[in-house]
Structure formats: structure tokens, C-alpha cells
Amino acid sequence: MPLVNFGAIMNFAEEIETLDMAYYQAAAGNPACEVNKALFEQFAKDAGKNIQTVKRTRRENVTEMILEGIQNFTREPFQLNMEIKSADACHTCALGETIDTIKTLEERAERYYQAAADKMKALPEVARALKLMGKKRSAHLKMLDQLS
């Protein structure tokens, strides 16, 4: 499905953050992941902040979203198998499997935000917000690498 305008890009960003937040919350509640509970709770909190950033950015740039069309950008490269993202499935995962899944979620989000920021160069405030969210995901990946 193509992401043809500002609104579609921001809606997909909100969808990513919402699904990821649910997974992080489930991971924090997984008894096998107790050792990393605080980290996963922080990731969930960061996803909630990113949702607010997406909503604020969409609200503050609503007039520009009508004018700016996007070419050659689709959601397919950033969609994951839904069973990977299932928060329900996380409750029975081993710690290593959960960390691997979270790394996959973080890498996907980082790629999406970088690509979306490149597509939104005509709207610098929007591009900056997307880049910031991508940097947060990059920082999460560094934290996860320290766990391994």
C-alpha cells in the first residue's frame, strides 16, 4: 500500500508505535523477561512519547499535508509478519527470542523513520521529528546490543 502523502506517513508511524508499544508492554510482563523489565517498560514509554510526537507533528503541520505529495514510498518494506508483532505471543517467549523480536522492531522503525524523513525533506519540521524518532530507535538498538 503506497504512502502517498504526509497524513499516510504519519498514520503509519503511529501504527508502528502503537503495535511496538503493545509488544514492549507484553515483554515487560513476561516472567521470562523479568531481568529486563525496566528496559522494556522504558521502550514502551518511549513509544508512547513517539505517538504523542506523531500526533503533535500531524496537528501542527495540517495545512502543509494537503500540498505535499509523496512518490515511490510504500509500507511493504516496513511491515513485519504479524505474528512477530503479536503482544499475545510475547507472553510465552523466552528472553532471547523476545530480545531478537524487539531488535527486529527497532531496526524496522529506524529504517522507516530515516526513509520517511528523506521523503519529507520539503517539510523540515516534519523531517526533523521523524529523524529524532529514528535516533531514539537507534539508541534502543545500542542498549539491546549491550544485553547480548
N, C-alpha and C. Protein backbone atom coordinates (compact mmCIF):
# COMPACT_ATOMS: atom_id res chain seq x y z
N MET A 1 0.85 -1.18 0.00
CA MET A 1 0.00 0.00 0.00
C MET A 1 0.90 1.24 0.00
N PRO A 2 0.69 2.12 -0.94
CA PRO A 2 1.56 3.30 -1.03
C PRO A 2 1.27 4.32 0.07
N LEU A 3 2.33 4.99 0.48
CA LEU A 3 2.23 6.10 1.42
C LEU A 3 2.39 7.35 0.57
N VAL A 4 1.27 7.94 0.16
CA VAL A 4 1.28 8.96 -0.87
C VAL A 4 1.28 10.40 -0.36
N ASN A 5 1.13 10.57 0.95
CA ASN A 5 1.11 11.94 1.46
C ASN A 5 1.53 11.97 2.93
N PHE A 6 1.64 13.16 3.43
CA PHE A 6 2.04 13.41 4.82
C PHE A 6 1.18 12.63 5.80
N GLY A 7 -0.13 12.69 5.61
CA GLY A 7 -1.04 12.01 6.52
C GLY A 7 -0.81 10.51 6.56
N ALA A 8 -0.59 9.91 5.42
CA ALA A 8 -0.36 8.46 5.35
C ALA A 8 0.95 8.09 6.06
N ILE A 9 1.97 8.90 5.89
CA ILE A 9 3.26 8.64 6.54
C ILE A 9 3.11 8.73 8.06
N MET A 10 2.41 9.73 8.52
CA MET A 10 2.24 9.90 9.96
C MET A 10 1.30 8.83 10.55
N ASN A 11 0.27 8.46 9.81
CA ASN A 11 -0.62 7.40 10.28
C ASN A 11 0.12 6.08 10.42
N PHE A 12 0.98 5.76 9.46
CA PHE A 12 1.75 4.52 9.53
C PHE A 12 2.75 4.58 10.69
N ALA A 13 3.35 5.74 10.93
CA ALA A 13 4.26 5.90 12.06
C ALA A 13 3.50 5.64 13.37
N GLU A 14 2.31 6.16 13.48
CA GLU A 14 1.51 5.94 14.69
C GLU A 14 1.15 4.46 14.84
N GLU A 15 0.85 3.81 13.74
CA GLU A 15 0.54 2.37 13.77
C GLU A 15 1.76 1.57 14.26
N ILE A 16 2.93 1.88 13.73
CA ILE A 16 4.16 1.21 14.16
C ILE A 16 4.36 1.39 15.66
N GLU A 17 4.25 2.61 16.13
CA GLU A 17 4.49 2.90 17.55
C GLU A 17 3.47 2.21 18.45
N THR A 18 2.23 2.19 18.03
CA THR A 18 1.18 1.56 18.83
C THR A 18 1.41 0.05 18.95
N LEU A 19 1.71 -0.60 17.84
CA LEU A 19 1.95 -2.05 17.87
C LEU A 19 3.22 -2.38 18.66
N ASP A 20 4.26 -1.59 18.45
CA ASP A 20 5.51 -1.83 19.17
C ASP A 20 5.32 -1.62 20.68
N MET A 21 4.58 -0.59 21.05
CA MET A 21 4.33 -0.31 22.46
C MET A 21 3.62 -1.50 23.11
N ALA A 22 2.64 -2.06 22.43
CA ALA A 22 1.93 -3.23 22.97
C ALA A 22 2.89 -4.40 23.17
N TYR A 23 3.81 -4.58 22.22
CA TYR A 23 4.77 -5.68 22.36
C TYR A 23 5.72 -5.44 23.54
N TYR A 24 6.19 -4.21 23.68
CA TYR A 24 7.10 -3.89 24.79
C TYR A 24 6.41 -4.08 26.13
N GLN A 25 5.16 -3.70 26.22
CA GLN A 25 4.41 -3.87 27.46
C GLN A 25 4.25 -5.35 27.78
N ALA A 26 3.97 -6.15 26.74
CA ALA A 26 3.85 -7.59 26.95
C ALA A 26 5.18 -8.18 27.36
N ALA A 27 6.26 -7.73 26.75
CA ALA A 27 7.59 -8.23 27.11
C ALA A 27 7.91 -7.90 28.57
N ALA A 28 7.54 -6.70 28.99
CA ALA A 28 7.79 -6.30 30.38
C ALA A 28 7.01 -7.17 31.35
N GLY A 29 5.86 -7.67 30.92
CA GLY A 29 5.04 -8.53 31.77
C GLY A 29 5.36 -10.01 31.66
N ASN A 30 6.26 -10.36 30.78
CA ASN A 30 6.64 -11.76 30.58
C ASN A 30 7.58 -12.20 31.70
N PRO A 31 7.22 -13.23 32.46
CA PRO A 31 8.09 -13.68 33.56
C PRO A 31 9.51 -14.05 33.10
N ALA A 32 9.64 -14.55 31.88
CA ALA A 32 10.97 -14.92 31.37
C ALA A 32 11.83 -13.70 31.11
N CYS A 33 11.22 -12.54 31.04
CA CYS A 33 11.95 -11.29 30.72
C CYS A 33 12.10 -10.38 31.94
N GLU A 34 11.84 -10.91 33.10
CA GLU A 34 11.88 -10.11 34.33
C GLU A 34 13.17 -9.32 34.48
N VAL A 35 14.30 -9.91 34.07
CA VAL A 35 15.60 -9.25 34.22
C VAL A 35 15.68 -7.95 33.41
N ASN A 36 14.91 -7.84 32.35
CA ASN A 36 14.92 -6.64 31.50
C ASN A 36 13.60 -5.87 31.56
N LYS A 37 12.83 -6.12 32.59
CA LYS A 37 11.51 -5.49 32.71
C LYS A 37 11.60 -3.96 32.63
N ALA A 38 12.51 -3.36 33.35
CA ALA A 38 12.62 -1.89 33.37
C ALA A 38 12.97 -1.35 31.98
N LEU A 39 13.85 -2.04 31.28
CA LEU A 39 14.23 -1.61 29.93
C LEU A 39 13.03 -1.68 28.99
N PHE A 40 12.29 -2.77 29.03
CA PHE A 40 11.14 -2.92 28.15
C PHE A 40 10.03 -1.92 28.51
N GLU A 41 9.88 -1.62 29.80
CA GLU A 41 8.93 -0.60 30.21
C GLU A 41 9.35 0.78 29.67
N GLN A 42 10.65 1.04 29.67
CA GLN A 42 11.15 2.31 29.12
C GLN A 42 10.88 2.39 27.62
N PHE A 43 11.08 1.28 26.91
CA PHE A 43 10.80 1.25 25.47
C PHE A 43 9.32 1.53 25.22
N ALA A 44 8.44 0.95 26.05
CA ALA A 44 7.00 1.20 25.91
C ALA A 44 6.69 2.67 26.16
N LYS A 45 7.33 3.24 27.17
CA LYS A 45 7.12 4.65 27.49
C LYS A 45 7.60 5.53 26.34
N ASP A 46 8.75 5.19 25.76
CA ASP A 46 9.28 5.94 24.61
C ASP A 46 8.34 5.85 23.42
N ALA A 47 7.75 4.67 23.20
CA ALA A 47 6.79 4.51 22.10
C ALA A 47 5.58 5.41 22.33
N GLY A 48 5.13 5.50 23.58
CA GLY A 48 4.02 6.41 23.91
C GLY A 48 4.36 7.85 23.62
N LYS A 49 5.60 8.24 23.94
CA LYS A 49 6.04 9.60 23.64
C LYS A 49 6.10 9.82 22.12
N ASN A 50 6.54 8.79 21.40
CA ASN A 50 6.60 8.92 19.94
C ASN A 50 5.21 9.07 19.35
N ILE A 51 4.23 8.38 19.92
CA ILE A 51 2.85 8.54 19.45
C ILE A 51 2.41 9.99 19.63
N GLN A 52 2.74 10.57 20.78
CA GLN A 52 2.39 11.97 21.02
C GLN A 52 3.12 12.90 20.05
N THR A 53 4.38 12.59 19.75
CA THR A 53 5.14 13.38 18.79
C THR A 53 4.49 13.31 17.41
N VAL A 54 4.09 12.12 17.00
CA VAL A 54 3.42 11.95 15.70
C VAL A 54 2.14 12.78 15.65
N LYS A 55 1.33 12.66 16.69
CA LYS A 55 0.06 13.40 16.73
C LYS A 55 0.30 14.91 16.72
N ARG A 56 1.27 15.37 17.50
CA ARG A 56 1.57 16.81 17.54
C ARG A 56 2.08 17.29 16.18
N THR A 57 2.98 16.53 15.59
CA THR A 57 3.53 16.91 14.29
C THR A 57 2.44 16.96 13.23
N ARG A 58 1.54 15.99 13.24
CA ARG A 58 0.43 15.97 12.29
C ARG A 58 -0.47 17.18 12.50
N ARG A 59 -0.76 17.47 13.76
CA ARG A 59 -1.65 18.59 14.09
C ARG A 59 -1.03 19.94 13.70
N GLU A 60 0.26 20.11 13.99
CA GLU A 60 0.92 21.39 13.73
C GLU A 60 1.22 21.63 12.26
N ASN A 61 1.21 20.59 11.45
CA ASN A 61 1.54 20.73 10.04
C ASN A 61 0.39 20.34 9.13
N VAL A 62 -0.83 20.46 9.66
CA VAL A 62 -2.00 20.02 8.92
C VAL A 62 -2.18 20.79 7.60
N THR A 63 -1.85 22.04 7.55
CA THR A 63 -2.03 22.80 6.30
C THR A 63 -1.06 22.35 5.22
N GLU A 64 0.16 21.97 5.62
CA GLU A 64 1.15 21.54 4.66
C GLU A 64 0.85 20.15 4.10
N MET A 65 0.14 19.34 4.87
CA MET A 65 -0.07 17.97 4.43
C MET A 65 -0.91 17.90 3.16
N ILE A 66 -1.72 18.87 2.91
CA ILE A 66 -2.56 18.87 1.72
C ILE A 66 -1.71 19.13 0.47
N LEU A 67 -0.66 19.91 0.62
CA LEU A 67 0.12 20.35 -0.53
C LEU A 67 1.19 19.37 -0.98
N GLU A 68 1.70 18.58 -0.10
CA GLU A 68 2.90 17.81 -0.40
C GLU A 68 2.56 16.36 -0.74
N GLY A 69 2.74 15.98 -2.01
CA GLY A 69 2.54 14.59 -2.44
C GLY A 69 3.85 13.82 -2.33
N ILE A 70 3.76 12.52 -2.12
CA ILE A 70 4.93 11.66 -1.98
C ILE A 70 4.92 10.65 -3.11
N GLN A 71 6.08 10.40 -3.68
CA GLN A 71 6.21 9.44 -4.78
C GLN A 71 7.06 8.25 -4.35
N ASN A 72 6.75 7.09 -4.83
CA ASN A 72 7.57 5.88 -4.68
C ASN A 72 7.90 5.54 -3.22
N PHE A 73 6.89 5.52 -2.39
CA PHE A 73 7.09 5.16 -0.98
C PHE A 73 5.93 4.27 -0.56
N THR A 74 6.24 3.06 -0.13
CA THR A 74 5.20 2.12 0.28
C THR A 74 5.50 1.58 1.67
N ARG A 75 4.49 1.01 2.27
CA ARG A 75 4.64 0.47 3.61
C ARG A 75 5.20 -0.95 3.61
N GLU A 76 5.15 -1.66 2.49
CA GLU A 76 5.56 -3.06 2.45
C GLU A 76 6.96 -3.34 3.02
N PRO A 77 7.99 -2.54 2.69
CA PRO A 77 9.31 -2.87 3.25
C PRO A 77 9.39 -2.72 4.77
N PHE A 78 8.39 -2.09 5.36
CA PHE A 78 8.41 -1.81 6.79
C PHE A 78 7.38 -2.61 7.57
N GLN A 79 6.65 -3.47 6.87
CA GLN A 79 5.68 -4.32 7.55
C GLN A 79 6.36 -5.63 7.94
N LEU A 80 6.02 -6.09 9.11
CA LEU A 80 6.57 -7.35 9.60
C LEU A 80 5.45 -8.38 9.67
N ASN A 81 5.84 -9.61 9.70
CA ASN A 81 4.90 -10.69 9.88
C ASN A 81 4.12 -10.40 11.17
N MET A 82 2.82 -10.41 11.09
CA MET A 82 2.00 -10.02 12.24
C MET A 82 2.23 -10.90 13.47
N GLU A 83 2.61 -12.16 13.30
CA GLU A 83 2.84 -12.99 14.48
C GLU A 83 4.07 -12.53 15.25
N ILE A 84 5.02 -11.92 14.56
CA ILE A 84 6.18 -11.35 15.26
C ILE A 84 5.73 -10.23 16.18
N LYS A 85 4.79 -9.44 15.70
CA LYS A 85 4.38 -8.26 16.44
C LYS A 85 3.31 -8.55 17.48
N SER A 86 2.82 -9.76 17.52
CA SER A 86 1.72 -10.07 18.42
C SER A 86 2.15 -9.98 19.88
N ALA A 87 1.54 -9.08 20.60
CA ALA A 87 1.83 -8.94 22.02
C ALA A 87 1.39 -10.19 22.77
N ASP A 88 0.32 -10.83 22.32
CA ASP A 88 -0.15 -12.05 22.98
C ASP A 88 0.89 -13.16 22.91
N ALA A 89 1.56 -13.28 21.77
CA ALA A 89 2.58 -14.31 21.59
C ALA A 89 3.79 -14.06 22.49
N CYS A 90 4.02 -12.82 22.85
CA CYS A 90 5.20 -12.46 23.65
C CYS A 90 5.17 -13.07 25.05
N HIS A 91 4.00 -13.30 25.58
CA HIS A 91 3.89 -13.80 26.96
C HIS A 91 4.53 -15.17 27.15
N THR A 92 4.70 -15.92 26.07
CA THR A 92 5.26 -17.26 26.19
C THR A 92 6.67 -17.37 25.61
N CYS A 93 7.25 -16.27 25.19
CA CYS A 93 8.57 -16.28 24.57
C CYS A 93 9.68 -16.35 25.61
N ALA A 94 10.78 -16.97 25.20
CA ALA A 94 11.98 -16.95 26.04
C ALA A 94 12.63 -15.58 25.92
N LEU A 95 13.48 -15.24 26.86
CA LEU A 95 14.13 -13.93 26.87
C LEU A 95 14.87 -13.65 25.57
N GLY A 96 15.67 -14.59 25.10
CA GLY A 96 16.45 -14.38 23.88
C GLY A 96 15.57 -14.13 22.67
N GLU A 97 14.49 -14.87 22.57
CA GLU A 97 13.55 -14.69 21.45
C GLU A 97 12.89 -13.31 21.52
N THR A 98 12.54 -12.90 22.72
CA THR A 98 11.92 -11.59 22.90
C THR A 98 12.89 -10.47 22.51
N ILE A 99 14.13 -10.58 22.94
CA ILE A 99 15.13 -9.56 22.59
C ILE A 99 15.34 -9.52 21.08
N ASP A 100 15.39 -10.68 20.43
CA ASP A 100 15.56 -10.73 18.97
C ASP A 100 14.39 -10.05 18.27
N THR A 101 13.18 -10.30 18.76
CA THR A 101 12.00 -9.67 18.17
C THR A 101 12.04 -8.16 18.36
N ILE A 102 12.42 -7.72 19.54
CA ILE A 102 12.49 -6.28 19.80
C ILE A 102 13.55 -5.63 18.92
N LYS A 103 14.67 -6.30 18.71
CA LYS A 103 15.69 -5.78 17.79
C LYS A 103 15.11 -5.62 16.39
N THR A 104 14.33 -6.60 15.96
CA THR A 104 13.69 -6.53 14.64
C THR A 104 12.74 -5.34 14.57
N LEU A 105 11.96 -5.13 15.62
CA LEU A 105 11.03 -3.99 15.65
C LEU A 105 11.79 -2.67 15.60
N GLU A 106 12.86 -2.59 16.37
CA GLU A 106 13.65 -1.35 16.43
C GLU A 106 14.33 -1.06 15.09
N GLU A 107 14.90 -2.09 14.47
CA GLU A 107 15.57 -1.90 13.18
C GLU A 107 14.58 -1.45 12.11
N ARG A 108 13.39 -2.07 12.12
CA ARG A 108 12.37 -1.70 11.14
C ARG A 108 11.93 -0.24 11.33
N ALA A 109 11.69 0.15 12.57
CA ALA A 109 11.25 1.53 12.84
C ALA A 109 12.34 2.53 12.47
N GLU A 110 13.58 2.20 12.80
CA GLU A 110 14.69 3.10 12.45
C GLU A 110 14.77 3.29 10.93
N ARG A 111 14.66 2.21 10.18
CA ARG A 111 14.68 2.29 8.71
C ARG A 111 13.51 3.14 8.20
N TYR A 112 12.33 2.91 8.77
CA TYR A 112 11.15 3.65 8.34
C TYR A 112 11.32 5.15 8.57
N TYR A 113 11.75 5.51 9.76
CA TYR A 113 11.87 6.94 10.07
C TYR A 113 12.92 7.62 9.20
N GLN A 114 14.00 6.94 8.91
CA GLN A 114 15.02 7.53 8.03
C GLN A 114 14.47 7.72 6.61
N ALA A 115 13.80 6.69 6.10
CA ALA A 115 13.23 6.78 4.75
C ALA A 115 12.12 7.83 4.69
N ALA A 116 11.28 7.87 5.71
CA ALA A 116 10.18 8.85 5.74
C ALA A 116 10.74 10.27 5.84
N ALA A 117 11.78 10.47 6.64
CA ALA A 117 12.40 11.80 6.76
C ALA A 117 12.95 12.24 5.41
N ASP A 118 13.56 11.32 4.67
CA ASP A 118 14.07 11.66 3.34
C ASP A 118 12.94 12.07 2.41
N LYS A 119 11.80 11.41 2.51
CA LYS A 119 10.66 11.74 1.65
C LYS A 119 10.01 13.06 2.06
N MET A 120 10.20 13.48 3.31
CA MET A 120 9.54 14.68 3.81
C MET A 120 10.49 15.89 3.88
N LYS A 121 11.55 15.88 3.11
CA LYS A 121 12.53 16.97 3.15
C LYS A 121 11.90 18.34 2.87
N ALA A 122 10.84 18.36 2.10
CA ALA A 122 10.19 19.64 1.79
C ALA A 122 9.51 20.25 3.03
N LEU A 123 9.29 19.44 4.05
CA LEU A 123 8.71 19.91 5.31
C LEU A 123 9.73 19.69 6.41
N PRO A 124 10.64 20.64 6.62
CA PRO A 124 11.77 20.43 7.54
C PRO A 124 11.37 20.06 8.96
N GLU A 125 10.31 20.65 9.49
CA GLU A 125 9.89 20.33 10.85
C GLU A 125 9.46 18.87 10.96
N VAL A 126 8.77 18.40 9.95
CA VAL A 126 8.31 17.01 9.93
C VAL A 126 9.51 16.08 9.80
N ALA A 127 10.41 16.39 8.87
CA ALA A 127 11.61 15.57 8.67
C ALA A 127 12.43 15.50 9.96
N ARG A 128 12.54 16.61 10.66
CA ARG A 128 13.29 16.66 11.91
C ARG A 128 12.65 15.75 12.97
N ALA A 129 11.33 15.79 13.08
CA ALA A 129 10.63 14.94 14.05
C ALA A 129 10.83 13.46 13.71
N LEU A 130 10.75 13.12 12.44
CA LEU A 130 10.95 11.73 12.03
C LEU A 130 12.38 11.27 12.30
N LYS A 131 13.34 12.13 12.02
CA LYS A 131 14.75 11.79 12.28
C LYS A 131 14.98 11.59 13.77
N LEU A 132 14.37 12.42 14.59
CA LEU A 132 14.51 12.29 16.04
C LEU A 132 13.97 10.95 16.53
N MET A 133 12.82 10.54 16.00
CA MET A 133 12.26 9.25 16.40
C MET A 133 13.17 8.11 15.92
N GLY A 134 13.77 8.26 14.75
CA GLY A 134 14.72 7.26 14.26
C GLY A 134 15.95 7.18 15.15
N LYS A 135 16.43 8.32 15.64
CA LYS A 135 17.59 8.33 16.53
C LYS A 135 17.28 7.64 17.86
N LYS A 136 16.06 7.82 18.34
CA LYS A 136 15.66 7.13 19.58
C LYS A 136 15.69 5.63 19.37
N ARG A 137 15.23 5.19 18.21
CA ARG A 137 15.25 3.75 17.92
C ARG A 137 16.68 3.25 17.80
N SER A 138 17.55 4.05 17.23
CA SER A 138 18.96 3.68 17.13
C SER A 138 19.58 3.54 18.52
N ALA A 139 19.21 4.44 19.42
CA ALA A 139 19.70 4.36 20.81
C ALA A 139 19.18 3.09 21.48
N HIS A 140 17.94 2.73 21.20
CA HIS A 140 17.39 1.48 21.75
C HIS A 140 18.21 0.29 21.27
N LEU A 141 18.58 0.29 19.99
CA LEU A 141 19.37 -0.82 19.45
C LEU A 141 20.71 -0.94 20.16
N LYS A 142 21.31 0.19 20.48
CA LYS A 142 22.59 0.15 21.20
C LYS A 142 22.40 -0.45 22.59
N MET A 143 21.29 -0.11 23.24
CA MET A 143 21.01 -0.69 24.56
C MET A 143 20.82 -2.20 24.45
N LEU A 144 20.12 -2.62 23.41
CA LEU A 144 19.88 -4.05 23.22
C LEU A 144 21.17 -4.79 22.92
N ASP A 145 22.07 -4.16 22.17
CA ASP A 145 23.36 -4.79 21.86
C ASP A 145 24.17 -5.02 23.13
N GLN A 146 24.02 -4.17 24.11
CA GLN A 146 24.74 -4.34 25.37
C GLN A 146 24.21 -5.51 26.18
N LEU A 147 22.98 -5.94 25.89
CA LEU A 147 22.41 -7.08 26.60
C LEU A 147 23.00 -8.40 26.10
N SER A 148 23.41 -8.43 24.85
CA SER A 148 23.88 -9.68 24.24
C SER A 148 25.24 -10.09 24.74
